[in-house]
Amino acid sequence: IVLIVGIILTYLITYMNNTILSGLLFERMEETTADGGSGRIDIYKYFIGRISDSSILNLIFGRGYLGSTRTGGMSLTCHNDILEMIIDYGIIGLILYFLAR
């Protein structure tokens, strides 16, 4: 009985994963492409520009805690962990972030 229940659960989970969740994921990705990610693509471009304009010290060590908020103004945040890590803590902080995961 346990084996049969396990097989049924495995089938249901696989079915849901392959049909329902994949469909929702693809719908979400299409919506993001269609509407520009609710403005996030423009935000990413802005912060990538701030990174490329940074001094070498800011690029290596970052601007410090909440550096991305100070860079973008209080009403604008990165909406992207990697961009935020690079701006706040630099390349060194990004490397440490990935090593800690």
C-alpha atoms as a PDB file:
ATOM      1  CA  ILE A   1       0.000   0.000   0.000  1.00  0.00           C
ATOM      2  CA  VAL A   2       2.812   2.411   0.894  1.00  0.00           C
ATOM      3  CA  LEU A   3       4.497   1.661  -2.426  1.00  0.00           C
ATOM      4  CA  ILE A   4       1.297   2.328  -4.383  1.00  0.00           C
ATOM      5  CA  VAL A   5       0.674   5.607  -2.529  1.00  0.00           C
ATOM      6  CA  GLY A   6       4.291   6.611  -3.162  1.00  0.00           C
ATOM      7  CA  ILE A   7       3.980   5.894  -6.881  1.00  0.00           C
ATOM      8  CA  ILE A   8       0.724   7.853  -7.101  1.00  0.00           C
ATOM      9  CA  LEU A   9       2.198  10.820  -5.222  1.00  0.00           C
ATOM     10  CA  THR A  10       5.300  10.777  -7.406  1.00  0.00           C
ATOM     11  CA  TYR A  11       3.143  10.777 -10.528  1.00  0.00           C
ATOM     12  CA  LEU A  12       0.963  13.627  -9.255  1.00  0.00           C
ATOM     13  CA  ILE A  13       3.936  15.747  -8.233  1.00  0.00           C
ATOM     14  CA  THR A  14       5.660  15.129 -11.569  1.00  0.00           C
ATOM     15  CA  TYR A  15       2.447  15.911 -13.459  1.00  0.00           C
ATOM     16  CA  MET A  16       1.880  19.129 -11.524  1.00  0.00           C
ATOM     17  CA  ASN A  17       5.485  20.134 -11.908  1.00  0.00           C
ATOM     18  CA  ASN A  18       5.564  19.512 -15.645  1.00  0.00           C
ATOM     19  CA  THR A  19       2.172  20.952 -16.595  1.00  0.00           C
ATOM     20  CA  ILE A  20       0.768  23.383 -14.089  1.00  0.00           C
ATOM     21  CA  LEU A  21       3.936  24.939 -12.681  1.00  0.00           C
ATOM     22  CA  SER A  22       5.754  25.045 -16.010  1.00  0.00           C
ATOM     23  CA  GLY A  23       2.758  26.701 -17.624  1.00  0.00           C
ATOM     24  CA  LEU A  24       2.601  29.326 -14.894  1.00  0.00           C
ATOM     25  CA  LEU A  25       6.326  29.918 -15.132  1.00  0.00           C
ATOM     26  CA  PHE A  26       6.228  30.393 -18.895  1.00  0.00           C
ATOM     27  CA  GLU A  27       3.183  32.680 -18.606  1.00  0.00           C
ATOM     28  CA  ARG A  28       5.015  34.785 -16.042  1.00  0.00           C
ATOM     29  CA  MET A  29       8.118  34.991 -18.233  1.00  0.00           C
ATOM     30  CA  GLU A  30       6.030  36.040 -21.238  1.00  0.00           C
ATOM     31  CA  GLU A  31       4.296  38.726 -19.163  1.00  0.00           C
ATOM     32  CA  THR A  32       7.667  40.045 -17.989  1.00  0.00           C
ATOM     33  CA  THR A  33       8.898  40.271 -21.559  1.00  0.00           C
ATOM     34  CA  ALA A  34       5.700  41.929 -22.752  1.00  0.00           C
ATOM     35  CA  ASP A  35       5.561  44.652 -20.093  1.00  0.00           C
ATOM     36  CA  GLY A  36       9.299  45.144 -19.616  1.00  0.00           C
ATOM     37  CA  GLY A  37       9.301  43.531 -16.186  1.00  0.00           C
ATOM     38  CA  SER A  38       7.146  46.289 -14.675  1.00  0.00           C
ATOM     39  CA  GLY A  39       9.966  48.744 -15.289  1.00  0.00           C
ATOM     40  CA  ARG A  40      12.630  46.533 -13.756  1.00  0.00           C
ATOM     41  CA  ILE A  41      14.629  46.296 -16.960  1.00  0.00           C
ATOM     42  CA  ASP A  42      14.997  50.087 -16.905  1.00  0.00           C
ATOM     43  CA  ILE A  43      15.999  49.896 -13.239  1.00  0.00           C
ATOM     44  CA  TYR A  44      18.608  47.224 -14.058  1.00  0.00           C
ATOM     45  CA  LYS A  45      20.007  49.418 -16.851  1.00  0.00           C
ATOM     46  CA  TYR A  46      20.207  52.376 -14.466  1.00  0.00           C
ATOM     47  CA  PHE A  47      22.104  50.437 -11.792  1.00  0.00           C
ATOM     48  CA  ILE A  48      24.384  48.729 -14.320  1.00  0.00           C
ATOM     49  CA  GLY A  49      25.251  52.231 -15.514  1.00  0.00           C
ATOM     50  CA  ARG A  50      26.036  53.264 -11.920  1.00  0.00           C
ATOM     51  CA  ILE A  51      28.285  50.215 -11.559  1.00  0.00           C
ATOM     52  CA  SER A  52      30.155  51.002 -14.762  1.00  0.00           C
ATOM     53  CA  ASP A  53      30.599  54.627 -13.596  1.00  0.00           C
ATOM     54  CA  SER A  54      32.016  53.490 -10.236  1.00  0.00           C
ATOM     55  CA  SER A  55      35.590  54.021  -9.205  1.00  0.00           C
ATOM     56  CA  ILE A  56      37.813  50.965  -9.025  1.00  0.00           C
ATOM     57  CA  LEU A  57      37.646  51.055  -5.199  1.00  0.00           C
ATOM     58  CA  ASN A  58      33.838  51.129  -5.241  1.00  0.00           C
ATOM     59  CA  LEU A  59      33.829  48.293  -7.740  1.00  0.00           C
ATOM     60  CA  ILE A  60      36.120  46.158  -5.571  1.00  0.00           C
ATOM     61  CA  PHE A  61      34.825  47.074  -2.084  1.00  0.00           C
ATOM     62  CA  GLY A  62      31.388  48.564  -2.782  1.00  0.00           C
ATOM     63  CA  ARG A  63      29.680  51.654  -1.413  1.00  0.00           C
ATOM     64  CA  GLY A  64      28.726  50.130   1.926  1.00  0.00           C
ATOM     65  CA  TYR A  65      25.451  49.139   3.533  1.00  0.00           C
ATOM     66  CA  LEU A  66      22.474  50.574   1.593  1.00  0.00           C
ATOM     67  CA  GLY A  67      24.850  51.942  -1.034  1.00  0.00           C
ATOM     68  CA  SER A  68      22.424  50.970  -3.771  1.00  0.00           C
ATOM     69  CA  THR A  69      19.635  52.926  -2.077  1.00  0.00           C
ATOM     70  CA  ARG A  70      21.864  55.990  -1.759  1.00  0.00           C
ATOM     71  CA  THR A  71      22.935  55.569  -5.397  1.00  0.00           C
ATOM     72  CA  GLY A  72      19.405  55.249  -6.732  1.00  0.00           C
ATOM     73  CA  GLY A  73      17.698  57.609  -4.323  1.00  0.00           C
ATOM     74  CA  MET A  74      15.438  56.541  -1.494  1.00  0.00           C
ATOM     75  CA  SER A  75      12.556  55.613  -3.812  1.00  0.00           C
ATOM     76  CA  LEU A  76      14.595  53.401  -6.155  1.00  0.00           C
ATOM     77  CA  THR A  77      16.002  49.994  -5.276  1.00  0.00           C
ATOM     78  CA  CYS A  78      17.787  47.444  -7.467  1.00  0.00           C
ATOM     79  CA  HIS A  79      15.178  44.657  -7.375  1.00  0.00           C
ATOM     80  CA  ASN A  80      18.118  42.335  -8.061  1.00  0.00           C
ATOM     81  CA  ASP A  81      20.293  40.763  -5.363  1.00  0.00           C
ATOM     82  CA  ILE A  82      23.405  40.479  -7.504  1.00  0.00           C
ATOM     83  CA  LEU A  83      23.334  44.122  -8.605  1.00  0.00           C
ATOM     84  CA  GLU A  84      22.656  45.184  -5.038  1.00  0.00           C
ATOM     85  CA  MET A  85      25.555  43.083  -3.711  1.00  0.00           C
ATOM     86  CA  ILE A  86      27.969  44.568  -6.252  1.00  0.00           C
ATOM     87  CA  ILE A  87      26.924  48.137  -5.445  1.00  0.00           C
ATOM     88  CA  ASP A  88      26.773  47.664  -1.660  1.00  0.00           C
ATOM     89  CA  TYR A  89      29.718  45.321  -1.080  1.00  0.00           C
ATOM     90  CA  GLY A  90      31.626  45.201  -4.364  1.00  0.00           C
ATOM     91  CA  ILE A  91      33.112  42.239  -6.137  1.00  0.00           C
ATOM     92  CA  ILE A  92      34.641  40.968  -2.889  1.00  0.00           C
ATOM     93  CA  GLY A  93      31.243  40.993  -1.190  1.00  0.00           C
ATOM     94  CA  LEU A  94      29.665  39.214  -4.142  1.00  0.00           C
ATOM     95  CA  ILE A  95      32.299  36.489  -4.025  1.00  0.00           C
ATOM     96  CA  LEU A  96      31.820  36.061  -0.260  1.00  0.00           C
ATOM     97  CA  TYR A  97      28.048  35.951  -0.773  1.00  0.00           C
ATOM     98  CA  PHE A  98      28.368  33.049  -3.221  1.00  0.00           C
ATOM     99  CA  LEU A  99      30.931  31.250  -1.072  1.00  0.00           C
ATOM    100  CA  ALA A 100      28.607  31.445   1.936  1.00  0.00           C
ATOM    101  CA  ARG A 101      25.717  29.866   0.015  1.00  0.00           C
END
